[in-house]
Structure formats: C-alpha cells, structure tokens
Amino acid sequence: MLRMTQQDLARAIGISFQQLQKYERGANRVSASRLFDIANHLDVPISFFFQDIDDELLRQRGFSNTPADIDPALTSEALRLMTAYNRLPSDTVRQRILEFLTAAVSPGTAVEDPSSSEPVS
C-alpha cells in the first residue's frame, strides 16, 4: 500500500486533483506521457494499467501483441528465417544469402534495402 492520496499523486505529476479524478472516472483521456508519469510516481510499469485487457478486444480494436498481427510479413516461418540469418557468424555468408534470395525473388529486379537509400541488386 502506497499511502498516497489522489491529491498527493496529482501534485506529484503536476495536475489538479479534479483532473486526476476525471482520469480515474474515465471522463478525460490520459495521454501516454501522463500515464508514464503516473506509472513512475506509483512505481509500477505502464503495463500494470493494461493487465486485464482481453487479447481478443485488442485485436478487434486493431492492436495486438503477436508479431504476425503487428506485421503480417512476420509469420513464424519468416521469424525462423530471420533468427537463423542473424545467427550466421560471417558477414560474407549473410551477404551472399541476401544476394541469393534477392535474385530468387525476381531475377533482374532490385529489392529495396530498408537501411540504405540504394537498392540491393
């Protein structure tokens, strides 16, 4: 138990007691930065405020915690491929595999390198 009143918390995060009550009742939305301040002053992770949210509700609202839902390209197969690729000990081998995959996608077509302004050919 923190033994912190709403007045104490409101003062600590720089808002009025009434504003904190509006957040608590759901009358006003809490910004991400304000939620961060509240979590810091209560000494809890931000995830503390979301522990009881149903995963299905998140998906319905367009949010998700699973990589494939965040980016459909991140299937389990793609994740395994990236993991194996990143574990290769040689930069040269990684580069050759990238060149092979690029050529296999469509011979003669450049694939954009997201970390560079030039295409990989």
C-alpha atoms as a PDB file:
ATOM      1  CA  MET A   1       0.000   0.000   0.000  1.00  0.00           C
ATOM      2  CA  LEU A   2       1.445   3.338  -1.063  1.00  0.00           C
ATOM      3  CA  ARG A   3      -0.486   5.541   1.359  1.00  0.00           C
ATOM      4  CA  MET A   4      -0.690   8.175  -1.366  1.00  0.00           C
ATOM      5  CA  THR A   5      -3.829  10.245  -1.759  1.00  0.00           C
ATOM      6  CA  GLN A   6      -5.212  11.429  -5.067  1.00  0.00           C
ATOM      7  CA  GLN A   7      -4.157  14.920  -4.013  1.00  0.00           C
ATOM      8  CA  ASP A   8      -0.570  13.721  -3.446  1.00  0.00           C
ATOM      9  CA  LEU A   9      -0.403  11.990  -6.827  1.00  0.00           C
ATOM     10  CA  ALA A  10      -1.991  14.928  -8.642  1.00  0.00           C
ATOM     11  CA  ARG A  11       0.518  17.316  -7.091  1.00  0.00           C
ATOM     12  CA  ALA A  12       3.419  14.961  -7.918  1.00  0.00           C
ATOM     13  CA  ILE A  13       2.512  14.795 -11.613  1.00  0.00           C
ATOM     14  CA  GLY A  14       1.620  18.478 -11.893  1.00  0.00           C
ATOM     15  CA  ILE A  15      -2.150  18.383 -12.386  1.00  0.00           C
ATOM     16  CA  SER A  16      -5.163  19.332 -10.312  1.00  0.00           C
ATOM     17  CA  PHE A  17      -6.928  16.907  -8.012  1.00  0.00           C
ATOM     18  CA  GLN A  18     -10.052  17.355 -10.153  1.00  0.00           C
ATOM     19  CA  GLN A  19      -8.170  16.414 -13.335  1.00  0.00           C
ATOM     20  CA  LEU A  20      -6.894  13.224 -11.717  1.00  0.00           C
ATOM     21  CA  GLN A  21     -10.467  12.363 -10.704  1.00  0.00           C
ATOM     22  CA  LYS A  22     -11.587  12.860 -14.323  1.00  0.00           C
ATOM     23  CA  TYR A  23      -8.879  10.435 -15.460  1.00  0.00           C
ATOM     24  CA  GLU A  24      -9.952   7.903 -12.844  1.00  0.00           C
ATOM     25  CA  ARG A  25     -13.642   8.144 -13.777  1.00  0.00           C
ATOM     26  CA  GLY A  26     -12.847   7.977 -17.497  1.00  0.00           C
ATOM     27  CA  ALA A  27     -14.278  11.438 -18.161  1.00  0.00           C
ATOM     28  CA  ASN A  28     -10.990  12.552 -19.757  1.00  0.00           C
ATOM     29  CA  ARG A  29      -8.451  10.545 -21.703  1.00  0.00           C
ATOM     30  CA  VAL A  30      -4.984  10.036 -20.257  1.00  0.00           C
ATOM     31  CA  SER A  31      -2.140  10.839 -22.651  1.00  0.00           C
ATOM     32  CA  ALA A  32       0.742   8.400 -22.985  1.00  0.00           C
ATOM     33  CA  SER A  33       3.158  10.847 -21.376  1.00  0.00           C
ATOM     34  CA  ARG A  34       0.788  11.434 -18.449  1.00  0.00           C
ATOM     35  CA  LEU A  35       0.320   7.681 -17.991  1.00  0.00           C
ATOM     36  CA  PHE A  36       4.106   7.344 -17.963  1.00  0.00           C
ATOM     37  CA  ASP A  37       4.321   9.991 -15.210  1.00  0.00           C
ATOM     38  CA  ILE A  38       1.618   8.265 -13.163  1.00  0.00           C
ATOM     39  CA  ALA A  39       3.317   4.873 -13.509  1.00  0.00           C
ATOM     40  CA  ASN A  40       6.659   6.362 -12.454  1.00  0.00           C
ATOM     41  CA  HIS A  41       5.189   8.013  -9.370  1.00  0.00           C
ATOM     42  CA  LEU A  42       3.336   4.846  -8.399  1.00  0.00           C
ATOM     43  CA  ASP A  43       6.497   2.829  -9.099  1.00  0.00           C
ATOM     44  CA  VAL A  44       4.747   0.376 -11.444  1.00  0.00           C
ATOM     45  CA  PRO A  45       5.364  -0.475 -15.115  1.00  0.00           C
ATOM     46  CA  ILE A  46       2.926   1.035 -17.618  1.00  0.00           C
ATOM     47  CA  SER A  47       1.754  -2.496 -18.411  1.00  0.00           C
ATOM     48  CA  PHE A  48       0.250  -2.561 -14.893  1.00  0.00           C
ATOM     49  CA  PHE A  49      -2.661  -0.493 -16.215  1.00  0.00           C
ATOM     50  CA  PHE A  50      -3.373  -2.971 -19.035  1.00  0.00           C
ATOM     51  CA  GLN A  51      -3.124  -6.331 -17.248  1.00  0.00           C
ATOM     52  CA  ASP A  52      -6.803  -7.212 -17.551  1.00  0.00           C
ATOM     53  CA  ILE A  53      -7.333  -6.249 -21.191  1.00  0.00           C
ATOM     54  CA  ASP A  54      -8.603  -9.177 -23.245  1.00  0.00           C
ATOM     55  CA  ASP A  55      -6.406 -10.118 -26.254  1.00  0.00           C
ATOM     56  CA  GLU A  56      -9.493 -10.523 -28.459  1.00  0.00           C
ATOM     57  CA  LEU A  57     -10.634  -6.994 -27.620  1.00  0.00           C
ATOM     58  CA  LEU A  58      -7.176  -5.706 -28.564  1.00  0.00           C
ATOM     59  CA  ARG A  59      -7.345  -7.482 -31.937  1.00  0.00           C
ATOM     60  CA  GLN A  60     -10.833  -6.080 -32.614  1.00  0.00           C
ATOM     61  CA  ARG A  61      -9.528  -2.588 -31.982  1.00  0.00           C
ATOM     62  CA  GLY A  62      -6.504  -3.087 -34.249  1.00  0.00           C
ATOM     63  CA  PHE A  63      -3.930  -3.769 -31.532  1.00  0.00           C
ATOM     64  CA  SER A  64      -2.002  -6.932 -30.892  1.00  0.00           C
ATOM     65  CA  ASN A  65       0.932  -8.411 -29.039  1.00  0.00           C
ATOM     66  CA  THR A  66       1.748 -11.114 -31.582  1.00  0.00           C
ATOM     67  CA  PRO A  67       4.352 -10.332 -34.269  1.00  0.00           C
ATOM     68  CA  ALA A  68       2.217 -11.721 -37.135  1.00  0.00           C
ATOM     69  CA  ASP A  69      -0.672  -9.439 -36.149  1.00  0.00           C
ATOM     70  CA  ILE A  70       1.625  -6.426 -35.934  1.00  0.00           C
ATOM     71  CA  ASP A  71       3.154  -7.146 -39.356  1.00  0.00           C
ATOM     72  CA  PRO A  72       1.686  -9.931 -41.493  1.00  0.00           C
ATOM     73  CA  ALA A  73       5.144 -10.499 -43.006  1.00  0.00           C
ATOM     74  CA  LEU A  74       6.288 -11.730 -39.584  1.00  0.00           C
ATOM     75  CA  THR A  75       4.944 -15.249 -39.863  1.00  0.00           C
ATOM     76  CA  SER A  76       6.567 -17.977 -37.797  1.00  0.00           C
ATOM     77  CA  GLU A  77       8.457 -19.084 -40.911  1.00  0.00           C
ATOM     78  CA  ALA A  78       9.764 -15.557 -41.532  1.00  0.00           C
ATOM     79  CA  LEU A  79      10.770 -15.211 -37.881  1.00  0.00           C
ATOM     80  CA  ARG A  80      12.666 -18.527 -38.022  1.00  0.00           C
ATOM     81  CA  LEU A  81      14.405 -17.395 -41.213  1.00  0.00           C
ATOM     82  CA  MET A  82      15.428 -14.066 -39.655  1.00  0.00           C
ATOM     83  CA  THR A  83      16.646 -15.782 -36.494  1.00  0.00           C
ATOM     84  CA  ALA A  84      18.766 -18.242 -38.469  1.00  0.00           C
ATOM     85  CA  TYR A  85      20.074 -15.468 -40.737  1.00  0.00           C
ATOM     86  CA  ASN A  86      21.079 -13.310 -37.769  1.00  0.00           C
ATOM     87  CA  ARG A  87      22.908 -16.238 -36.165  1.00  0.00           C
ATOM     88  CA  LEU A  88      25.191 -16.720 -39.166  1.00  0.00           C
ATOM     89  CA  PRO A  89      28.723 -15.982 -37.958  1.00  0.00           C
ATOM     90  CA  SER A  90      30.004 -14.496 -41.212  1.00  0.00           C
ATOM     91  CA  ASP A  91      29.018 -11.160 -42.728  1.00  0.00           C
ATOM     92  CA  THR A  92      30.111 -12.531 -46.098  1.00  0.00           C
ATOM     93  CA  VAL A  93      27.798 -15.543 -45.838  1.00  0.00           C
ATOM     94  CA  ARG A  94      24.900 -13.304 -44.790  1.00  0.00           C
ATOM     95  CA  GLN A  95      25.548 -11.027 -47.770  1.00  0.00           C
ATOM     96  CA  ARG A  96      25.673 -13.999 -50.177  1.00  0.00           C
ATOM     97  CA  ILE A  97      22.402 -15.388 -48.816  1.00  0.00           C
ATOM     98  CA  LEU A  98      20.777 -11.981 -49.194  1.00  0.00           C
ATOM     99  CA  GLU A  99      22.024 -11.774 -52.783  1.00  0.00           C
ATOM    100  CA  PHE A 100      20.694 -15.290 -53.482  1.00  0.00           C
ATOM    101  CA  LEU A 101      17.273 -14.509 -52.033  1.00  0.00           C
ATOM    102  CA  THR A 102      17.111 -11.221 -53.905  1.00  0.00           C
ATOM    103  CA  ALA A 103      17.905 -12.978 -57.183  1.00  0.00           C
ATOM    104  CA  ALA A 104      15.428 -15.776 -56.436  1.00  0.00           C
ATOM    105  CA  VAL A 105      12.565 -13.338 -55.830  1.00  0.00           C
ATOM    106  CA  SER A 106      12.728 -11.978 -59.337  1.00  0.00           C
ATOM    107  CA  PRO A 107      15.859 -12.218 -61.456  1.00  0.00           C
ATOM    108  CA  GLY A 108      16.996  -8.774 -62.540  1.00  0.00           C
ATOM    109  CA  THR A 109      14.741  -6.925 -60.087  1.00  0.00           C
ATOM    110  CA  ALA A 110      16.287  -4.890 -57.295  1.00  0.00           C
ATOM    111  CA  VAL A 111      14.957  -5.287 -53.752  1.00  0.00           C
ATOM    112  CA  GLU A 112      14.974  -2.187 -51.554  1.00  0.00           C
ATOM    113  CA  ASP A 113      17.326  -2.226 -48.574  1.00  0.00           C
ATOM    114  CA  PRO A 114      15.399  -0.505 -45.740  1.00  0.00           C
ATOM    115  CA  SER A 115      18.646   0.610 -44.091  1.00  0.00           C
ATOM    116  CA  SER A 116      20.013   2.223 -47.253  1.00  0.00           C
ATOM    117  CA  SER A 117      18.839   4.599 -49.937  1.00  0.00           C
ATOM    118  CA  GLU A 118      20.174   2.253 -52.632  1.00  0.00           C
ATOM    119  CA  PRO A 119      18.508  -0.940 -53.882  1.00  0.00           C
ATOM    120  CA  VAL A 120      20.192  -4.303 -53.375  1.00  0.00           C
ATOM    121  CA  SER A 121      20.823  -5.968 -56.719  1.00  0.00           C
END
